[in-house]
Amino acid sequence: MGFPSEVRDIFASRRSNNSPLIASPAEDLKAKAANDCVQEGVRAGLKAAAVMCVVTAVPTLVAVRKIPWAKANLNYTGQALIISAVSIASYFITVDKTILECARRNAQYGKPT
C-alpha cells in the first residue's frame, strides 16, 4: 500500500528543509570532480566509438565485396552487428578506463581529510 505520492512528497520536503545536517564543501568538490570524470569519460568514449566504427566498417565492407565466404554469409544485418559490436565495446571500455584514470588522479592517498 504505502503513502500517496502527495503525502510522501510533503514528508520528503520537510525532512530536507529541517535537516540539522549541513553538507560539507568538500562533498560538493568531490561531487563536481566525479561529474567531471564522467563527462570526460563519455567524451573519450564517443571519440573511440567513432574511430572504431570507421576502422571496422571499411574492412567489413571491403570483405563483403571481395571475399567469397563473406559475400555468401554476411548480409546487411551481419555487417551492422559486426560494426556496432566493436563500436559499443570500444565505447564502454574507453569510458571505464577514463573514469578509473580520472578517479586515480583525483584520489588523495595518504593525505588527511
PDB file of N, CA and C in Angstrom:
ATOM      1  N   MET A   1       0.844  -1.185   0.000  1.00  0.00           N
ATOM      2  CA  MET A   1       0.000   0.000   0.000  1.00  0.00           C
ATOM      3  C   MET A   1       0.887   1.244   0.000  1.00  0.00           C
ATOM      4  N   GLY A   2       1.294   1.713   1.180  1.00  0.00           N
ATOM      5  CA  GLY A   2       2.190   2.861   1.229  1.00  0.00           C
ATOM      6  C   GLY A   2       1.449   4.189   1.256  1.00  0.00           C
ATOM      7  N   PHE A   3       2.223   5.246   1.269  1.00  0.00           N
ATOM      8  CA  PHE A   3       1.665   6.598   1.299  1.00  0.00           C
ATOM      9  C   PHE A   3       1.289   7.046  -0.108  1.00  0.00           C
ATOM     10  N   PRO A   4       0.253   7.887  -0.210  1.00  0.00           N
ATOM     11  CA  PRO A   4       0.007   8.527  -1.502  1.00  0.00           C
ATOM     12  C   PRO A   4       1.184   9.444  -1.841  1.00  0.00           C
ATOM     13  N   SER A   5       1.357   9.709  -3.110  1.00  0.00           N
ATOM     14  CA  SER A   5       2.541  10.466  -3.539  1.00  0.00           C
ATOM     15  C   SER A   5       2.564  11.875  -2.958  1.00  0.00           C
ATOM     16  N   GLU A   6       1.404  12.506  -2.754  1.00  0.00           N
ATOM     17  CA  GLU A   6       1.394  13.864  -2.206  1.00  0.00           C
ATOM     18  C   GLU A   6       1.909  13.868  -0.770  1.00  0.00           C
ATOM     19  N   VAL A   7       1.481  12.894   0.015  1.00  0.00           N
ATOM     20  CA  VAL A   7       1.919  12.813   1.410  1.00  0.00           C
ATOM     21  C   VAL A   7       3.408  12.502   1.471  1.00  0.00           C
ATOM     22  N   ARG A   8       3.862  11.599   0.619  1.00  0.00           N
ATOM     23  CA  ARG A   8       5.281  11.254   0.585  1.00  0.00           C
ATOM     24  C   ARG A   8       6.123  12.479   0.240  1.00  0.00           C
ATOM     25  N   ASP A   9       5.667  13.294  -0.711  1.00  0.00           N
ATOM     26  CA  ASP A   9       6.403  14.496  -1.100  1.00  0.00           C
ATOM     27  C   ASP A   9       6.457  15.512   0.036  1.00  0.00           C
ATOM     28  N   ILE A  10       5.377  15.608   0.794  1.00  0.00           N
ATOM     29  CA  ILE A  10       5.369  16.537   1.932  1.00  0.00           C
ATOM     30  C   ILE A  10       6.392  16.094   2.968  1.00  0.00           C
ATOM     31  N   PHE A  11       6.409  14.791   3.295  1.00  0.00           N
ATOM     32  CA  PHE A  11       7.382  14.298   4.276  1.00  0.00           C
ATOM     33  C   PHE A  11       8.816  14.457   3.769  1.00  0.00           C
ATOM     34  N   ALA A  12       9.029  14.232   2.499  1.00  0.00           N
ATOM     35  CA  ALA A  12      10.377  14.359   1.946  1.00  0.00           C
ATOM     36  C   ALA A  12      10.844  15.807   1.972  1.00  0.00           C
ATOM     37  N   SER A  13       9.957  16.745   1.672  1.00  0.00           N
ATOM     38  CA  SER A  13      10.359  18.147   1.678  1.00  0.00           C
ATOM     39  C   SER A  13      10.607  18.639   3.104  1.00  0.00           C
ATOM     40  N   ARG A  14       9.835  18.170   4.059  1.00  0.00           N
ATOM     41  CA  ARG A  14      10.068  18.558   5.451  1.00  0.00           C
ATOM     42  C   ARG A  14      11.405  18.039   5.941  1.00  0.00           C
ATOM     43  N   ARG A  15      11.712  16.812   5.575  1.00  0.00           N
ATOM     44  CA  ARG A  15      12.945  16.196   6.027  1.00  0.00           C
ATOM     45  C   ARG A  15      14.162  16.943   5.485  1.00  0.00           C
ATOM     46  N   SER A  16      14.131  17.362   4.229  1.00  0.00           N
ATOM     47  CA  SER A  16      15.301  18.014   3.640  1.00  0.00           C
ATOM     48  C   SER A  16      15.428  19.458   4.103  1.00  0.00           C
ATOM     49  N   ASN A  17      14.325  20.153   4.351  1.00  0.00           N
ATOM     50  CA  ASN A  17      14.393  21.557   4.761  1.00  0.00           C
ATOM     51  C   ASN A  17      14.818  21.718   6.208  1.00  0.00           C
ATOM     52  N   ASN A  18      14.395  20.830   7.088  1.00  0.00           N
ATOM     53  CA  ASN A  18      14.663  20.974   8.511  1.00  0.00           C
ATOM     54  C   ASN A  18      15.785  20.067   8.984  1.00  0.00           C
ATOM     55  N   SER A  19      16.619  19.634   8.091  1.00  0.00           N
ATOM     56  CA  SER A  19      17.683  18.725   8.462  1.00  0.00           C
ATOM     57  C   SER A  19      18.760  19.460   9.250  1.00  0.00           C
ATOM     58  N   PRO A  20      19.193  18.893  10.390  1.00  0.00           N
ATOM     59  CA  PRO A  20      20.259  19.550  11.158  1.00  0.00           C
ATOM     60  C   PRO A  20      21.640  19.344  10.527  1.00  0.00           C
ATOM     61  N   LEU A  21      21.720  18.473   9.524  1.00  0.00           N
ATOM     62  CA  LEU A  21      22.997  18.205   8.879  1.00  0.00           C
ATOM     63  C   LEU A  21      23.227  19.169   7.732  1.00  0.00           C
ATOM     64  N   ILE A  22      24.435  19.680   7.655  1.00  0.00           N
ATOM     65  CA  ILE A  22      24.809  20.604   6.588  1.00  0.00           C
ATOM     66  C   ILE A  22      25.883  19.925   5.764  1.00  0.00           C
ATOM     67  N   ALA A  23      25.753  20.009   4.459  1.00  0.00           N
ATOM     68  CA  ALA A  23      26.718  19.367   3.588  1.00  0.00           C
ATOM     69  C   ALA A  23      28.061  20.081   3.673  1.00  0.00           C
ATOM     70  N   SER A  24      29.112  19.305   3.651  1.00  0.00           N
ATOM     71  CA  SER A  24      30.464  19.845   3.697  1.00  0.00           C
ATOM     72  C   SER A  24      30.837  20.410   2.327  1.00  0.00           C
ATOM     73  N   PRO A  25      31.626  21.486   2.294  1.00  0.00           N
ATOM     74  CA  PRO A  25      32.097  21.985   0.998  1.00  0.00           C
ATOM     75  C   PRO A  25      32.954  20.956   0.262  1.00  0.00           C
ATOM     76  N   ALA A  26      33.617  20.088   1.024  1.00  0.00           N
ATOM     77  CA  ALA A  26      34.429  19.045   0.397  1.00  0.00           C
ATOM     78  C   ALA A  26      33.552  18.062  -0.381  1.00  0.00           C
ATOM     79  N   GLU A  27      32.336  17.816   0.112  1.00  0.00           N
ATOM     80  CA  GLU A  27      31.420  16.924  -0.599  1.00  0.00           C
ATOM     81  C   GLU A  27      31.031  17.519  -1.944  1.00  0.00           C
ATOM     82  N   ASP A  28      30.812  18.831  -1.973  1.00  0.00           N
ATOM     83  CA  ASP A  28      30.476  19.476  -3.239  1.00  0.00           C
ATOM     84  C   ASP A  28      31.630  19.363  -4.232  1.00  0.00           C
ATOM     85  N   LEU A  29      32.858  19.522  -3.755  1.00  0.00           N
ATOM     86  CA  LEU A  29      34.020  19.400  -4.628  1.00  0.00           C
ATOM     87  C   LEU A  29      34.172  17.979  -5.142  1.00  0.00           C
ATOM     88  N   LYS A  30      33.937  17.000  -4.273  1.00  0.00           N
ATOM     89  CA  LYS A  30      34.040  15.601  -4.703  1.00  0.00           C
ATOM     90  C   LYS A  30      32.966  15.260  -5.726  1.00  0.00           C
ATOM     91  N   ALA A  31      31.756  15.780  -5.512  1.00  0.00           N
ATOM     92  CA  ALA A  31      30.671  15.513  -6.457  1.00  0.00           C
ATOM     93  C   ALA A  31      30.974  16.158  -7.810  1.00  0.00           C
ATOM     94  N   LYS A  32      31.528  17.366  -7.788  1.00  0.00           N
ATOM     95  CA  LYS A  32      31.878  18.036  -9.040  1.00  0.00           C
ATOM     96  C   LYS A  32      33.000  17.281  -9.749  1.00  0.00           C
ATOM     97  N   ALA A  33      33.995  16.810  -8.988  1.00  0.00           N
ATOM     98  CA  ALA A  33      35.093  16.057  -9.593  1.00  0.00           C
ATOM     99  C   ALA A  33      34.580  14.758 -10.201  1.00  0.00           C
ATOM    100  N   ALA A  34      33.649  14.102  -9.520  1.00  0.00           N
ATOM    101  CA  ALA A  34      33.089  12.861 -10.053  1.00  0.00           C
ATOM    102  C   ALA A  34      32.297  13.133 -11.327  1.00  0.00           C
ATOM    103  N   ASN A  35      31.554  14.226 -11.341  1.00  0.00           N
ATOM    104  CA  ASN A  35      30.785  14.577 -12.532  1.00  0.00           C
ATOM    105  C   ASN A  35      31.713  14.913 -13.694  1.00  0.00           C
ATOM    106  N   ASP A  36      32.807  15.613 -13.396  1.00  0.00           N
ATOM    107  CA  ASP A  36      33.789  15.926 -14.442  1.00  0.00           C
ATOM    108  C   ASP A  36      34.417  14.656 -14.994  1.00  0.00           C
ATOM    109  N   CYS A  37      34.679  13.679 -14.117  1.00  0.00           N
ATOM    110  CA  CYS A  37      35.254  12.412 -14.568  1.00  0.00           C
ATOM    111  C   CYS A  37      34.299  11.686 -15.514  1.00  0.00           C
ATOM    112  N   VAL A  38      33.038  11.702 -15.192  1.00  0.00           N
ATOM    113  CA  VAL A  38      32.048  11.020 -16.035  1.00  0.00           C
ATOM    114  C   VAL A  38      31.951  11.716 -17.392  1.00  0.00           C
ATOM    115  N   GLN A  39      31.914  13.048 -17.385  1.00  0.00           N
ATOM    116  CA  GLN A  39      31.834  13.774 -18.654  1.00  0.00           C
ATOM    117  C   GLN A  39      33.072  13.540 -19.505  1.00  0.00           C
ATOM    118  N   GLU A  40      34.234  13.528 -18.873  1.00  0.00           N
ATOM    119  CA  GLU A  40      35.477  13.257 -19.596  1.00  0.00           C
ATOM    120  C   GLU A  40      35.455  11.849 -20.188  1.00  0.00           C
ATOM    121  N   GLY A  41      34.932  10.887 -19.428  1.00  0.00           N
ATOM    122  CA  GLY A  41      34.842   9.516 -19.912  1.00  0.00           C
ATOM    123  C   GLY A  41      33.898   9.379 -21.087  1.00  0.00           C
ATOM    124  N   VAL A  42      32.770  10.056 -21.031  1.00  0.00           N
ATOM    125  CA  VAL A  42      31.801   9.979 -22.126  1.00  0.00           C
ATOM    126  C   VAL A  42      32.390  10.583 -23.398  1.00  0.00           C
ATOM    127  N   ARG A  43      33.080  11.725 -23.260  1.00  0.00           N
ATOM    128  CA  ARG A  43      33.708  12.336 -24.431  1.00  0.00           C
ATOM    129  C   ARG A  43      34.740  11.402 -25.063  1.00  0.00           C
ATOM    130  N   ALA A  44      35.587  10.839 -24.227  1.00  0.00           N
ATOM    131  CA  ALA A  44      36.614   9.930 -24.737  1.00  0.00           C
ATOM    132  C   ALA A  44      35.977   8.684 -25.349  1.00  0.00           C
ATOM    133  N   GLY A  45      34.911   8.178 -24.743  1.00  0.00           N
ATOM    134  CA  GLY A  45      34.221   7.005 -25.273  1.00  0.00           C
ATOM    135  C   GLY A  45      33.589   7.261 -26.622  1.00  0.00           C
ATOM    136  N   LEU A  46      32.979   8.437 -26.790  1.00  0.00           N
ATOM    137  CA  LEU A  46      32.375   8.763 -28.077  1.00  0.00           C
ATOM    138  C   LEU A  46      33.432   8.887 -29.170  1.00  0.00           C
ATOM    139  N   LYS A  47      34.565   9.484 -28.828  1.00  0.00           N
ATOM    140  CA  LYS A  47      35.648   9.582 -29.818  1.00  0.00           C
ATOM    141  C   LYS A  47      36.143   8.198 -30.209  1.00  0.00           C
ATOM    142  N   ALA A  48      36.342   7.343 -29.227  1.00  0.00           N
ATOM    143  CA  ALA A  48      36.828   5.991 -29.512  1.00  0.00           C
ATOM    144  C   ALA A  48      35.812   5.202 -30.325  1.00  0.00           C
ATOM    145  N   ALA A  49      34.532   5.340 -30.011  1.00  0.00           N
ATOM    146  CA  ALA A  49      33.497   4.619 -30.754  1.00  0.00           C
ATOM    147  C   ALA A  49      33.431   5.089 -32.201  1.00  0.00           C
ATOM    148  N   ALA A  50      33.575   6.387 -32.429  1.00  0.00           N
ATOM    149  CA  ALA A  50      33.542   6.905 -33.795  1.00  0.00           C
ATOM    150  C   ALA A  50      34.734   6.394 -34.603  1.00  0.00           C
ATOM    151  N   VAL A  51      35.902   6.405 -33.989  1.00  0.00           N
ATOM    152  CA  VAL A  51      37.095   5.916 -34.682  1.00  0.00           C
ATOM    153  C   VAL A  51      36.956   4.432 -34.988  1.00  0.00           C
ATOM    154  N   MET A  52      36.521   3.652 -34.009  1.00  0.00           N
ATOM    155  CA  MET A  52      36.404   2.216 -34.223  1.00  0.00           C
ATOM    156  C   MET A  52      35.303   1.867 -35.213  1.00  0.00           C
ATOM    157  N   CYS A  53      34.282   2.692 -35.303  1.00  0.00           N
ATOM    158  CA  CYS A  53      33.226   2.466 -36.294  1.00  0.00           C
ATOM    159  C   CYS A  53      33.815   2.557 -37.695  1.00  0.00           C
ATOM    160  N   VAL A  54      34.611   3.574 -37.937  1.00  0.00           N
ATOM    161  CA  VAL A  54      35.223   3.730 -39.257  1.00  0.00           C
ATOM    162  C   VAL A  54      36.251   2.631 -39.499  1.00  0.00           C
ATOM    163  N   VAL A  55      37.066   2.344 -38.484  1.00  0.00           N
ATOM    164  CA  VAL A  55      38.116   1.336 -38.628  1.00  0.00           C
ATOM    165  C   VAL A  55      37.520  -0.046 -38.882  1.00  0.00           C
ATOM    166  N   THR A  56      36.359  -0.322 -38.342  1.00  0.00           N
ATOM    167  CA  THR A  56      35.716  -1.619 -38.542  1.00  0.00           C
ATOM    168  C   THR A  56      34.886  -1.649 -39.819  1.00  0.00           C
ATOM    169  N   ALA A  57      34.250  -0.541 -40.153  1.00  0.00           N
ATOM    170  CA  ALA A  57      33.351  -0.526 -41.301  1.00  0.00           C
ATOM    171  C   ALA A  57      34.097  -0.725 -42.616  1.00  0.00           C
ATOM    172  N   VAL A  58      35.239  -0.097 -42.743  1.00  0.00           N
ATOM    173  CA  VAL A  58      35.960  -0.180 -44.015  1.00  0.00           C
ATOM    174  C   VAL A  58      36.359  -1.621 -44.345  1.00  0.00           C
ATOM    175  N   PRO A  59      37.055  -2.342 -43.465  1.00  0.00           N
ATOM    176  CA  PRO A  59      37.403  -3.723 -43.822  1.00  0.00           C
ATOM    177  C   PRO A  59      36.194  -4.645 -43.963  1.00  0.00           C
ATOM    178  N   THR A  60      35.162  -4.409 -43.170  1.00  0.00           N
ATOM    179  CA  THR A  60      33.974  -5.254 -43.269  1.00  0.00           C
ATOM    180  C   THR A  60      33.318  -5.094 -44.632  1.00  0.00           C
ATOM    181  N   LEU A  61      33.153  -3.873 -45.061  1.00  0.00           N
ATOM    182  CA  LEU A  61      32.504  -3.636 -46.354  1.00  0.00           C
ATOM    183  C   LEU A  61      33.378  -4.094 -47.519  1.00  0.00           C
ATOM    184  N   VAL A  62      34.682  -3.941 -47.390  1.00  0.00           N
ATOM    185  CA  VAL A  62      35.579  -4.436 -48.437  1.00  0.00           C
ATOM    186  C   VAL A  62      35.536  -5.956 -48.490  1.00  0.00           C
ATOM    187  N   ALA A  63      35.524  -6.593 -47.321  1.00  0.00           N
ATOM    188  CA  ALA A  63      35.495  -8.057 -47.274  1.00  0.00           C
ATOM    189  C   ALA A  63      34.219  -8.605 -47.895  1.00  0.00           C
ATOM    190  N   VAL A  64      33.095  -7.947 -47.663  1.00  0.00           N
ATOM    191  CA  VAL A  64      31.827  -8.422 -48.216  1.00  0.00           C
ATOM    192  C   VAL A  64      31.834  -8.332 -49.746  1.00  0.00           C
ATOM    193  N   ARG A  65      32.577  -7.415 -50.300  1.00  0.00           N
ATOM    194  CA  ARG A  65      32.626  -7.276 -51.756  1.00  0.00           C
ATOM    195  C   ARG A  65      33.668  -8.190 -52.396  1.00  0.00           C
ATOM    196  N   LYS A  66      34.760  -8.516 -51.670  1.00  0.00           N
ATOM    197  CA  LYS A  66      35.881  -9.226 -52.290  1.00  0.00           C
ATOM    198  C   LYS A  66      36.002 -10.702 -51.899  1.00  0.00           C
ATOM    199  N   ILE A  67      35.690 -11.041 -50.653  1.00  0.00           N
ATOM    200  CA  ILE A  67      35.890 -12.405 -50.167  1.00  0.00           C
ATOM    201  C   ILE A  67      34.610 -13.214 -50.410  1.00  0.00           C
ATOM    202  N   PRO A  68      34.726 -14.350 -51.093  1.00  0.00           N
ATOM    203  CA  PRO A  68      33.517 -15.123 -51.424  1.00  0.00           C
ATOM    204  C   PRO A  68      32.746 -15.611 -50.198  1.00  0.00           C
ATOM    205  N   TRP A  69      33.447 -16.057 -49.142  1.00  0.00           N
ATOM    206  CA  TRP A  69      32.741 -16.536 -47.960  1.00  0.00           C
ATOM    207  C   TRP A  69      31.934 -15.421 -47.321  1.00  0.00           C
ATOM    208  N   ALA A  70      32.545 -14.240 -47.181  1.00  0.00           N
ATOM    209  CA  ALA A  70      31.843 -13.108 -46.577  1.00  0.00           C
ATOM    210  C   ALA A  70      30.683 -12.672 -47.452  1.00  0.00           C
ATOM    211  N   LYS A  71      30.873 -12.720 -48.753  1.00  0.00           N
ATOM    212  CA  LYS A  71      29.799 -12.329 -49.671  1.00  0.00           C
ATOM    213  C   LYS A  71      28.605 -13.266 -49.530  1.00  0.00           C
ATOM    214  N   ALA A  72      28.877 -14.545 -49.301  1.00  0.00           N
ATOM    215  CA  ALA A  72      27.791 -15.523 -49.198  1.00  0.00           C
ATOM    216  C   ALA A  72      27.130 -15.539 -47.823  1.00  0.00           C
ATOM    217  N   ASN A  73      27.879 -15.196 -46.758  1.00  0.00           N
ATOM    218  CA  ASN A  73      27.361 -15.406 -45.406  1.00  0.00           C
ATOM    219  C   ASN A  73      27.055 -14.143 -44.598  1.00  0.00           C
ATOM    220  N   LEU A  74      27.526 -12.995 -45.017  1.00  0.00           N
ATOM    221  CA  LEU A  74      27.276 -11.772 -44.236  1.00  0.00           C
ATOM    222  C   LEU A  74      26.280 -10.881 -44.963  1.00  0.00           C
ATOM    223  N   ASN A  75      25.049 -10.897 -44.487  1.00  0.00           N
ATOM    224  CA  ASN A  75      24.061  -9.993 -45.061  1.00  0.00           C
ATOM    225  C   ASN A  75      24.190  -8.628 -44.362  1.00  0.00           C
ATOM    226  N   TYR A  76      23.268  -7.721 -44.641  1.00  0.00           N
ATOM    227  CA  TYR A  76      23.354  -6.369 -44.084  1.00  0.00           C
ATOM    228  C   TYR A  76      23.280  -6.377 -42.559  1.00  0.00           C
ATOM    229  N   THR A  77      22.461  -7.258 -42.022  1.00  0.00           N
ATOM    230  CA  THR A  77      22.345  -7.337 -40.563  1.00  0.00           C
ATOM    231  C   THR A  77      23.647  -7.800 -39.943  1.00  0.00           C
ATOM    232  N   GLY A  78      24.276  -8.786 -40.518  1.00  0.00           N
ATOM    233  CA  GLY A  78      25.557  -9.260 -40.001  1.00  0.00           C
ATOM    234  C   GLY A  78      26.625  -8.193 -40.054  1.00  0.00           C
ATOM    235  N   GLN A  79      26.656  -7.445 -41.132  1.00  0.00           N
ATOM    236  CA  GLN A  79      27.623  -6.355 -41.240  1.00  0.00           C
ATOM    237  C   GLN A  79      27.379  -5.301 -40.170  1.00  0.00           C
ATOM    238  N   ALA A  80      26.122  -4.952 -39.976  1.00  0.00           N
ATOM    239  CA  ALA A  80      25.786  -3.945 -38.963  1.00  0.00           C
ATOM    240  C   ALA A  80      26.123  -4.439 -37.563  1.00  0.00           C
ATOM    241  N   LEU A  81      25.895  -5.729 -37.308  1.00  0.00           N
ATOM    242  CA  LEU A  81      26.220  -6.282 -35.990  1.00  0.00           C
ATOM    243  C   LEU A  81      27.719  -6.255 -35.721  1.00  0.00           C
ATOM    244  N   ILE A  82      28.513  -6.561 -36.715  1.00  0.00           N
ATOM    245  CA  ILE A  82      29.964  -6.529 -36.543  1.00  0.00           C
ATOM    246  C   ILE A  82      30.426  -5.111 -36.223  1.00  0.00           C
ATOM    247  N   ILE A  83      29.969  -4.164 -37.004  1.00  0.00           N
ATOM    248  CA  ILE A  83      30.403  -2.775 -36.824  1.00  0.00           C
ATOM    249  C   ILE A  83      29.912  -2.215 -35.496  1.00  0.00           C
ATOM    250  N   SER A  84      28.651  -2.453 -35.162  1.00  0.00           N
ATOM    251  CA  SER A  84      28.106  -1.882 -33.926  1.00  0.00           C
ATOM    252  C   SER A  84      28.674  -2.565 -32.688  1.00  0.00           C
ATOM    253  N   ALA A  85      28.950  -3.856 -32.760  1.00  0.00           N
ATOM    254  CA  ALA A  85      29.516  -4.544 -31.592  1.00  0.00           C
ATOM    255  C   ALA A  85      30.886  -3.996 -31.244  1.00  0.00           C
ATOM    256  N   VAL A  86      31.703  -3.770 -32.250  1.00  0.00           N
ATOM    257  CA  VAL A  86      33.036  -3.217 -32.000  1.00  0.00           C
ATOM    258  C   VAL A  86      32.926  -1.787 -31.486  1.00  0.00           C
ATOM    259  N   SER A  87      32.029  -1.005 -32.041  1.00  0.00           N
ATOM    260  CA  SER A  87      31.873   0.384 -31.601  1.00  0.00           C
ATOM    261  C   SER A  87      31.386   0.458 -30.161  1.00  0.00           C
ATOM    262  N   ILE A  88      30.403  -0.356 -29.832  1.00  0.00           N
ATOM    263  CA  ILE A  88      29.855  -0.341 -28.471  1.00  0.00           C
ATOM    264  C   ILE A  88      30.887  -0.830 -27.468  1.00  0.00           C
ATOM    265  N   ALA A  89      31.600  -1.878 -27.806  1.00  0.00           N
ATOM    266  CA  ALA A  89      32.631  -2.391 -26.896  1.00  0.00           C
ATOM    267  C   ALA A  89      33.721  -1.355 -26.670  1.00  0.00           C
ATOM    268  N   SER A  90      34.165  -0.691 -27.725  1.00  0.00           N
ATOM    269  CA  SER A  90      35.215   0.317 -27.546  1.00  0.00           C
ATOM    270  C   SER A  90      34.714   1.488 -26.729  1.00  0.00           C
ATOM    271  N   TYR A  91      33.426   1.856 -26.880  1.00  0.00           N
ATOM    272  CA  TYR A  91      32.859   2.940 -26.077  1.00  0.00           C
ATOM    273  C   TYR A  91      32.926   2.598 -24.592  1.00  0.00           C
ATOM    274  N   PHE A  92      32.401   1.444 -24.218  1.00  0.00           N
ATOM    275  CA  PHE A  92      32.338   1.097 -22.802  1.00  0.00           C
ATOM    276  C   PHE A  92      33.719   0.864 -22.202  1.00  0.00           C
ATOM    277  N   ILE A  93      34.617   0.251 -22.949  1.00  0.00           N
ATOM    278  CA  ILE A  93      35.966   0.030 -22.427  1.00  0.00           C
ATOM    279  C   ILE A  93      36.676   1.356 -22.213  1.00  0.00           C
ATOM    280  N   THR A  94      36.551   2.274 -23.165  1.00  0.00           N
ATOM    281  CA  THR A  94      37.217   3.571 -23.041  1.00  0.00           C
ATOM    282  C   THR A  94      36.619   4.398 -21.910  1.00  0.00           C
ATOM    283  N   VAL A  95      35.298   4.388 -21.770  1.00  0.00           N
ATOM    284  CA  VAL A  95      34.672   5.134 -20.675  1.00  0.00           C
ATOM    285  C   VAL A  95      35.139   4.591 -19.333  1.00  0.00           C
ATOM    286  N   ASP A  96      35.170   3.283 -19.195  1.00  0.00           N
ATOM    287  CA  ASP A  96      35.594   2.662 -17.939  1.00  0.00           C
ATOM    288  C   ASP A  96      37.031   3.026 -17.613  1.00  0.00           C
ATOM    289  N   LYS A  97      37.917   2.905 -18.578  1.00  0.00           N
ATOM    290  CA  LYS A  97      39.325   3.228 -18.344  1.00  0.00           C
ATOM    291  C   LYS A  97      39.518   4.705 -18.016  1.00  0.00           C
ATOM    292  N   THR A  98      38.787   5.582 -18.703  1.00  0.00           N
ATOM    293  CA  THR A  98      38.944   7.014 -18.477  1.00  0.00           C
ATOM    294  C   THR A  98      38.438   7.408 -17.104  1.00  0.00           C
ATOM    295  N   ILE A  99      37.319   6.862 -16.684  1.00  0.00           N
ATOM    296  CA  ILE A  99      36.781   7.200 -15.363  1.00  0.00           C
ATOM    297  C   ILE A  99      37.705   6.686 -14.273  1.00  0.00           C
ATOM    298  N   LEU A 100      38.231   5.472 -14.432  1.00  0.00           N
ATOM    299  CA  LEU A 100      39.165   4.952 -13.429  1.00  0.00           C
ATOM    300  C   LEU A 100      40.443   5.772 -13.373  1.00  0.00           C
ATOM    301  N   GLU A 101      40.950   6.183 -14.522  1.00  0.00           N
ATOM    302  CA  GLU A 101      42.154   7.017 -14.556  1.00  0.00           C
ATOM    303  C   GLU A 101      41.905   8.363 -13.878  1.00  0.00           C
ATOM    304  N   CYS A 102      40.757   8.951 -14.138  1.00  0.00           N
ATOM    305  CA  CYS A 102      40.412  10.235 -13.520  1.00  0.00           C
ATOM    306  C   CYS A 102      40.227  10.080 -12.013  1.00  0.00           C
ATOM    307  N   ALA A 103      39.635   8.983 -11.596  1.00  0.00           N
ATOM    308  CA  ALA A 103      39.448   8.738 -10.161  1.00  0.00           C
ATOM    309  C   ALA A 103      40.790   8.556  -9.466  1.00  0.00           C
ATOM    310  N   ARG A 104      41.716   7.852 -10.110  1.00  0.00           N
ATOM    311  CA  ARG A 104      43.060   7.714  -9.526  1.00  0.00           C
ATOM    312  C   ARG A 104      43.758   9.056  -9.439  1.00  0.00           C
ATOM    313  N   ARG A 105      43.572   9.867 -10.453  1.00  0.00           N
ATOM    314  CA  ARG A 105      44.193  11.183 -10.476  1.00  0.00           C
ATOM    315  C   ARG A 105      43.646  12.077  -9.352  1.00  0.00           C
ATOM    316  N   ASN A 106      42.350  11.939  -9.068  1.00  0.00           N
ATOM    317  CA  ASN A 106      41.731  12.782  -8.047  1.00  0.00           C
ATOM    318  C   ASN A 106      41.827  12.198  -6.645  1.00  0.00           C
ATOM    319  N   ALA A 107      42.232  10.941  -6.533  1.00  0.00           N
ATOM    320  CA  ALA A 107      42.331  10.311  -5.208  1.00  0.00           C
ATOM    321  C   ALA A 107      43.480  10.956  -4.431  1.00  0.00           C
ATOM    322  N   GLN A 108      43.265  11.054  -3.149  1.00  0.00           N
ATOM    323  CA  GLN A 108      44.281  11.644  -2.289  1.00  0.00           C
ATOM    324  C   GLN A 108      44.701  10.608  -1.261  1.00  0.00           C
ATOM    325  N   TYR A 109      45.573   9.717  -1.683  1.00  0.00           N
ATOM    326  CA  TYR A 109      46.026   8.657  -0.796  1.00  0.00           C
ATOM    327  C   TYR A 109      47.042   9.220   0.191  1.00  0.00           C
ATOM    328  N   GLY A 110      46.871   8.888   1.434  1.00  0.00           N
ATOM    329  CA  GLY A 110      47.837   9.270   2.460  1.00  0.00           C
ATOM    330  C   GLY A 110      47.692  10.695   2.939  1.00  0.00           C
ATOM    331  N   LYS A 111      46.779  11.473   2.362  1.00  0.00           N
ATOM    332  CA  LYS A 111      46.586  12.856   2.798  1.00  0.00           C
ATOM    333  C   LYS A 111      45.436  12.892   3.802  1.00  0.00           C
ATOM    334  N   PRO A 112      45.594  13.666   4.859  1.00  0.00           N
ATOM    335  CA  PRO A 112      44.497  13.764   5.831  1.00  0.00           C
ATOM    336  C   PRO A 112      43.300  14.496   5.225  1.00  0.00           C
ATOM    337  N   THR A 113      42.102  14.040   5.593  1.00  0.00           N
ATOM    338  CA  THR A 113      40.895  14.672   5.060  1.00  0.00           C
ATOM    339  C   THR A 113      40.357  15.715   5.986  1.00  0.00           C
TER     340      THR A 113
END
